[in-house]
Protein backbone atom coordinates (compact mmCIF):
# COMPACT_ATOMS: atom_id res chain seq x y z
CA MET A 1 213.50 13.42 105.98
CA VAL A 2 211.06 10.55 105.44
CA VAL A 3 210.97 7.27 107.32
CA ILE A 4 209.48 4.35 105.38
CA LEU A 5 208.05 1.67 107.65
CA LYS A 6 207.76 -2.05 107.04
CA GLN A 7 204.35 -3.37 106.04
CA LYS A 8 203.78 -5.38 109.20
CA ALA A 9 204.63 -2.59 111.63
CA LYS A 10 202.28 -2.59 114.62
CA LYS A 11 200.49 0.58 115.75
CA GLU A 12 202.09 0.42 119.19
CA GLU A 13 205.56 0.21 117.65
CA ILE A 14 204.80 3.10 115.31
CA LEU A 15 203.59 5.29 118.19
CA THR A 16 206.73 4.50 120.19
CA LEU A 17 208.93 5.53 117.23
CA ILE A 18 206.94 8.73 116.71
CA GLN A 19 207.29 9.68 120.38
CA TRP A 20 211.06 9.13 120.17
CA ILE A 21 211.31 11.34 117.05
CA LYS A 22 209.21 14.10 118.62
CA ALA A 23 211.49 14.02 121.64
CA GLN A 24 214.25 15.20 119.28
CA GLY A 25 212.23 18.39 118.65
CA ILE A 26 210.91 17.20 115.26
CA ASP A 27 207.28 17.21 114.12
CA VAL A 28 205.95 14.06 112.46
CA HIS A 29 203.40 13.82 109.66
CA ILE A 30 201.93 10.34 109.06
CA VAL A 31 201.05 9.22 105.53
CA GLU A 32 199.25 5.89 105.32
CA GLY A 33 199.40 4.40 101.82
CA THR A 34 197.77 1.26 100.48
CA SER A 35 200.82 -0.89 101.17
CA THR A 36 203.09 1.12 103.46
CA THR A 37 203.20 3.87 106.07
CA ILE A 38 205.55 6.84 105.78
CA LEU A 39 206.58 9.23 108.54
CA GLY A 40 207.46 12.70 107.30
CA LEU A 41 209.86 14.50 109.61
CA ILE A 42 209.35 18.27 109.60
CA GLY A 43 211.85 20.65 111.15
CA ASP A 44 215.64 20.81 111.45
CA THR A 45 216.56 17.17 110.83
CA SER A 46 220.28 17.87 110.35
CA LEU A 47 221.10 16.55 113.83
CA VAL A 48 218.79 13.51 113.63
CA ASP A 49 220.79 10.26 113.64
CA GLU A 50 219.70 8.25 110.59
CA ASP A 51 221.38 5.11 111.87
CA ALA A 52 219.48 5.30 115.14
CA ILE A 53 216.21 5.38 113.21
CA LYS A 54 217.27 2.61 110.81
CA ALA A 55 218.14 0.42 113.80
CA ASN A 56 214.46 0.25 114.68
CA ASP A 57 212.94 -3.10 113.64
CA ILE A 58 209.90 -1.54 111.94
CA VAL A 59 211.92 0.84 109.71
CA ALA A 60 212.49 -0.23 106.09
CA ASN A 61 214.37 2.86 104.89
CA VAL A 62 215.23 6.48 105.69
CA ARG A 63 215.58 9.20 103.04
CA ARG A 64 216.59 12.82 103.36
CA ILE A 65 214.66 15.40 101.37
CA SER A 66 216.90 18.17 100.08
CA GLU A 67 214.08 20.36 98.74
CA PRO A 68 212.76 23.03 101.13
CA PHE A 69 209.14 22.00 100.52
CA LYS A 70 208.30 18.93 102.60
CA ALA A 71 204.55 18.38 102.90
CA ALA A 72 204.06 19.09 99.17
CA ASN A 73 206.94 16.79 98.22
CA ARG A 74 206.25 13.50 96.40
CA LYS A 75 209.08 11.88 98.38
CA PHE A 76 207.09 12.71 101.49
CA HIS A 77 203.80 11.48 99.99
CA PRO A 78 204.40 9.07 97.05
CA ASN A 79 200.73 8.55 96.19
CA ASP A 80 198.82 11.20 94.22
CA THR A 81 196.58 13.42 96.30
CA ILE A 82 192.96 13.35 95.15
CA VAL A 83 190.95 16.45 96.07
CA ASP A 84 187.24 15.65 96.37
CA VAL A 85 184.97 18.65 95.87
CA CYS A 86 181.35 17.68 96.49
CA GLY A 87 181.92 14.40 94.67
CA LYS A 88 184.00 15.95 91.86
CA LYS A 89 187.46 14.42 92.14
CA ILE A 90 190.64 16.11 90.89
CA GLY A 91 193.98 14.30 90.74
CA GLY A 92 195.10 10.68 90.77
CA GLY A 93 193.78 10.14 87.25
CA ASN A 94 190.58 12.10 87.89
CA PHE A 95 190.08 14.95 85.40
CA GLN A 96 187.75 17.95 85.74
CA VAL A 97 186.98 21.10 83.78
CA ILE A 98 186.20 24.31 85.68
CA ALA A 99 184.48 26.94 83.55
CA GLY A 100 182.69 30.26 83.85
CA PRO A 101 183.16 34.01 83.44
CA CYS A 102 186.12 36.05 84.59
CA SER A 103 183.71 38.22 86.58
CA VAL A 104 180.26 37.61 87.98
CA GLU A 105 178.25 40.49 86.51
CA SER A 106 174.64 39.64 87.42
CA ARG A 107 172.47 36.84 88.77
CA GLU A 108 171.03 36.20 85.31
CA GLN A 109 174.45 36.15 83.65
CA ILE A 110 176.07 33.61 85.99
CA ASN A 111 173.02 31.33 85.97
CA LYS A 112 172.88 31.33 82.17
CA ILE A 113 176.59 30.59 81.80
CA ALA A 114 176.44 27.90 84.51
CA LYS A 115 173.74 26.03 82.63
CA ASP A 116 175.62 26.38 79.33
CA VAL A 117 179.01 25.12 80.58
CA GLN A 118 177.38 22.29 82.51
CA ALA A 119 175.55 21.17 79.36
CA SER A 120 178.92 21.03 77.58
CA GLY A 121 180.49 18.86 80.30
CA ALA A 122 182.12 21.21 82.82
CA GLY A 123 182.02 19.84 86.35
CA LEU A 124 182.68 23.00 88.37
CA LEU A 125 181.70 26.67 87.97
CA ARG A 126 184.19 29.53 88.24
CA GLY A 127 183.41 33.22 88.53
CA GLY A 128 185.18 36.22 90.02
CA ALA A 129 183.36 38.05 92.81
CA PHE A 130 186.44 39.97 94.01
CA LYS A 131 188.61 41.06 91.07
CA PRO A 132 192.26 42.12 91.41
CA ARG A 133 192.78 44.55 88.53
CA THR A 134 195.90 46.34 87.34
CA SER A 135 193.97 49.60 87.05
CA PRO A 136 192.16 50.97 90.12
CA TYR A 137 189.51 52.33 87.73
CA ALA A 138 188.62 48.93 86.23
CA PHE A 139 185.66 46.83 87.38
CA GLN A 140 186.55 45.37 90.79
CA GLY A 141 183.76 42.78 91.01
CA LEU A 142 180.43 42.58 92.83
CA ARG A 143 182.19 41.27 95.97
CA ALA A 144 179.79 39.69 98.51
CA GLU A 145 176.87 40.01 96.11
CA GLY A 146 178.89 38.12 93.48
CA ILE A 147 179.37 35.21 95.90
CA GLU A 148 175.63 35.26 96.57
CA PHE A 149 174.95 34.96 92.83
CA LEU A 150 177.43 32.07 92.54
CA ILE A 151 175.70 30.23 95.38
CA ASP A 152 172.38 30.78 93.59
CA ALA A 153 173.85 29.27 90.40
CA ARG A 154 175.03 26.27 92.44
CA LYS A 155 171.50 25.75 93.71
CA THR A 156 170.25 25.81 90.12
CA THR A 157 172.84 23.48 88.60
CA GLY A 158 174.39 21.57 91.50
CA MET A 159 177.86 22.60 90.31
CA PRO A 160 180.51 23.29 92.99
CA ILE A 161 181.73 26.90 92.82
CA VAL A 162 185.25 28.35 92.57
CA THR A 163 186.03 31.99 93.25
CA GLU A 164 189.06 34.10 94.15
CA ILE A 165 189.92 35.54 97.56
CA MET A 166 192.08 38.65 97.89
CA SER A 167 192.35 39.18 101.64
CA ALA A 168 192.29 37.12 104.82
CA ALA A 169 189.76 39.64 106.10
CA HIS A 170 187.23 38.23 103.60
CA ILE A 171 187.43 34.59 104.72
CA GLU A 172 184.06 34.64 106.47
CA LEU A 173 182.40 35.63 103.18
CA PHE A 174 183.84 32.46 101.58
CA LYS A 175 182.43 29.96 104.10
CA ASP A 176 179.93 28.61 101.52
CA VAL A 177 182.41 28.59 98.59
CA ASP A 178 183.49 25.08 97.55
CA ILE A 179 187.01 25.93 96.28
CA ILE A 180 188.80 29.13 97.27
CA GLN A 181 191.11 30.39 94.53
CA VAL A 182 194.34 32.23 95.30
CA GLY A 183 195.22 34.31 92.25
CA ALA A 184 198.66 34.83 90.73
CA ARG A 185 199.05 38.23 92.40
CA ASN A 186 198.49 36.70 95.84
CA MET A 187 200.61 33.56 95.46
CA GLN A 188 203.11 35.03 97.91
CA ASN A 189 200.63 36.78 100.18
CA PHE A 190 201.94 34.72 103.06
CA GLU A 191 199.53 35.99 105.71
CA LEU A 192 196.62 34.99 103.45
CA LEU A 193 198.20 31.57 102.81
CA LYS A 194 198.63 31.00 106.55
CA ALA A 195 194.98 31.87 107.15
CA LEU A 196 193.84 29.49 104.41
CA GLY A 197 195.95 26.78 106.03
CA THR A 198 193.57 26.77 109.01
CA LEU A 199 190.54 25.96 106.83
CA ASN A 200 189.13 22.56 105.92
CA LYS A 201 188.42 23.62 102.36
CA PRO A 202 190.09 22.99 98.96
CA ILE A 203 192.39 25.77 97.73
CA LEU A 204 193.16 26.39 94.04
CA LEU A 205 196.61 28.01 94.11
CA LYS A 206 197.71 29.81 90.94
CA ARG A 207 201.36 30.25 90.06
CA GLY A 208 202.60 33.83 90.14
CA LEU A 209 203.40 35.38 86.78
CA ALA A 210 207.14 35.58 87.57
CA ASN A 211 207.63 32.82 90.14
CA THR A 212 209.79 29.72 89.99
CA ILE A 213 208.49 26.19 90.49
CA GLU A 214 210.18 26.04 93.89
CA GLU A 215 208.56 29.31 95.00
CA PHE A 216 205.21 27.98 93.78
CA LEU A 217 205.53 24.80 95.82
CA MET A 218 206.73 26.75 98.85
CA SER A 219 203.49 28.76 98.70
CA ALA A 220 201.57 25.47 98.74
CA GLU A 221 203.75 24.49 101.69
CA TYR A 222 202.58 27.59 103.61
CA ILE A 223 198.98 26.39 103.33
CA MET A 224 199.81 22.76 104.12
CA ALA A 225 201.93 23.73 107.12
CA GLY A 226 198.73 25.06 108.69
CA GLY A 227 197.03 21.69 108.30
CA ASN A 228 195.08 22.15 105.06
CA GLU A 229 196.33 19.59 102.55
CA ASN A 230 193.54 20.02 99.97
CA ILE A 231 195.62 22.01 97.48
CA ILE A 232 195.18 22.14 93.70
CA LEU A 233 198.09 23.72 91.83
CA CYS A 234 197.28 25.85 88.77
CA GLU A 235 199.75 26.69 86.00
CA ARG A 236 198.41 29.85 84.31
CA GLY A 237 201.35 31.08 82.29
CA ILE A 238 204.37 33.15 83.24
CA ARG A 239 205.71 36.49 82.04
CA THR A 240 208.49 36.24 79.46
CA PHE A 241 209.94 38.55 76.80
CA GLU A 242 207.21 37.36 74.38
CA THR A 243 204.44 39.92 73.76
CA ALA A 244 202.35 38.05 71.17
CA THR A 245 200.41 36.36 73.99
CA ARG A 246 199.28 37.63 77.37
CA ASN A 247 201.62 35.18 79.13
CA THR A 248 203.65 32.13 78.12
CA LEU A 249 202.17 28.79 79.15
CA ASP A 250 204.90 26.77 80.86
CA ILE A 251 203.98 23.30 79.59
CA SER A 252 207.10 21.82 81.17
CA ALA A 253 205.80 22.88 84.59
CA ILE A 254 203.01 20.28 84.41
CA PRO A 255 205.10 17.08 84.34
CA LEU A 256 207.75 18.70 86.55
CA LEU A 257 205.23 19.61 89.24
CA LYS A 258 203.81 16.10 89.10
CA GLN A 259 207.31 14.64 89.51
CA LEU A 260 208.16 16.90 92.44
CA SER A 261 204.78 16.97 94.16
CA HIS A 262 201.81 14.71 94.85
CA LEU A 263 199.34 17.59 94.48
CA PRO A 264 196.97 17.73 91.47
CA VAL A 265 197.82 20.19 88.68
CA VAL A 266 195.29 22.05 86.54
CA VAL A 267 195.98 24.50 83.72
CA ASP A 268 194.39 27.84 82.84
CA PRO A 269 194.78 28.25 79.06
CA SER A 270 192.65 31.41 79.05
CA HIS A 271 195.03 33.50 81.16
CA ALA A 272 198.06 31.81 79.65
CA ALA A 273 197.29 33.01 76.12
CA GLY A 274 194.79 35.83 76.49
CA ILE A 275 193.53 34.87 73.01
CA THR A 276 190.42 32.74 72.48
CA SER A 277 191.77 30.92 69.42
CA LEU A 278 194.65 29.50 71.50
CA VAL A 279 192.50 28.06 74.28
CA GLU A 280 191.77 24.80 72.45
CA PRO A 281 195.34 23.93 71.38
CA LEU A 282 196.74 24.87 74.79
CA SER A 283 194.05 22.74 76.47
CA LYS A 284 195.10 19.77 74.36
CA ALA A 285 198.76 20.38 75.13
CA ALA A 286 198.00 20.54 78.86
CA ILE A 287 196.16 17.22 78.75
CA ALA A 288 198.99 15.61 76.77
CA ALA A 289 201.47 16.85 79.39
CA GLY A 290 199.49 15.19 82.18
CA ALA A 291 197.27 17.94 83.63
CA ASP A 292 194.50 16.86 86.02
CA GLY A 293 192.09 19.51 84.79
CA LEU A 294 191.45 22.79 83.02
CA ILE A 295 190.00 26.13 84.13
CA ILE A 296 188.51 28.02 81.18
CA GLU A 297 186.84 31.42 80.96
CA VAL A 298 183.42 31.49 79.28
CA HIS A 299 181.18 34.52 78.76
CA ASN A 300 177.82 34.76 77.02
CA ASP A 301 178.78 38.12 75.46
CA PRO A 302 182.60 38.50 75.46
CA LYS A 303 182.58 41.78 73.50
CA HIS A 304 180.74 43.46 76.36
CA ALA A 305 182.36 41.58 79.27
CA LEU A 306 183.40 43.76 82.19
CA SER A 307 186.77 41.97 82.36
CA ASP A 308 188.92 39.75 80.11
CA GLY A 309 186.50 39.53 77.21
CA ALA A 310 189.36 39.00 74.73
CA GLN A 311 190.24 35.63 76.25
CA SER A 312 186.71 34.44 77.04
CA LEU A 313 185.03 31.80 74.91
CA THR A 314 181.37 32.00 73.99
CA PRO A 315 179.28 29.01 75.16
CA GLU A 316 179.32 27.74 71.56
CA GLN A 317 183.13 27.99 71.37
CA PHE A 318 183.44 26.29 74.76
CA ASP A 319 181.22 23.45 73.57
CA HIS A 320 183.55 22.98 70.59
CA VAL A 321 186.60 22.91 72.87
CA MET A 322 184.91 20.40 75.16
CA ASN A 323 184.21 18.10 72.24
CA SER A 324 187.95 18.10 71.51
CA VAL A 325 188.79 17.57 75.17
CA LYS A 326 186.39 14.63 75.42
CA ARG A 327 188.31 12.87 72.67
CA MET A 328 191.38 12.95 74.92
CA VAL A 329 189.80 12.47 78.35
CA ASP A 330 187.23 10.02 79.71
CA PHE A 331 185.06 12.22 81.92
CA GLU A 332 184.49 9.36 84.28
CA GLY A 333 187.94 10.38 85.34
CA LYS A 334 190.72 8.83 83.30
CA THR A 335 192.90 10.33 80.57
CA LEU A 336 192.60 8.26 77.41
């Protein structure tokens, strides 16, 4: 349930109303917009008397939210959330490209790629330090050393860094990471999501390969319920009967997520297709559908990459893709 207040509501009156609502056993989340204030009621609101709330002089309207996700719901928070990462804004018309290798392989490798993608226009650097792999015999990442190399690349370029966490036990290692990524395999690792909810740090949450939109938003809700509202949703393709591509990019998810939620939405065309030649057209499609950003895998030597070389662009290919992207997006922030 959301309670929309009148523009001239006084703080004392708002506090009195909040105290009355809380006395009914309901938590209240306050959203202050440019022209109005909204109270989001969280909990079992089935017994809350709408008429009693509407009778209050400062209340303009009361709406019930039928969806199970509340904090992530656009009805709860009508204005777009803008996630600010070291001055790089994502959402609310602000567009960013995150780029880098699937795996951090060496200090020299990540520094070289960081400089290359930055020169092409990427605003943030991605790189896997901990790698969830289908095979236990595949390269699992450099772990803490990989994070150290990412931090070194940030010092060199000034680019905020994005890397994936796999366990709540590793949170301390991520204290200097700018955006913590939750991968598709961990989208419903609820204990991890709860732990991330206690942090004051942006979270890039990827959709699971076989999860519905509602399940995706409920995972965001887990993080937000803990108090962390800096969530970036990432559509990275879902598993279908099609085998020609690694996954199937759900383009419809982009406008649907933006209708249902106020959270920014970025797209990962690399994982969606698994084929380098499809990264550019899928990037264009994502922008046309309203995405707030892209996350693209780039490797200086894809043929010898320790993971996901088949979907990784060379720096030259990435530069070509970025030239196409720049014709659709003003990198001061706005989509053209």
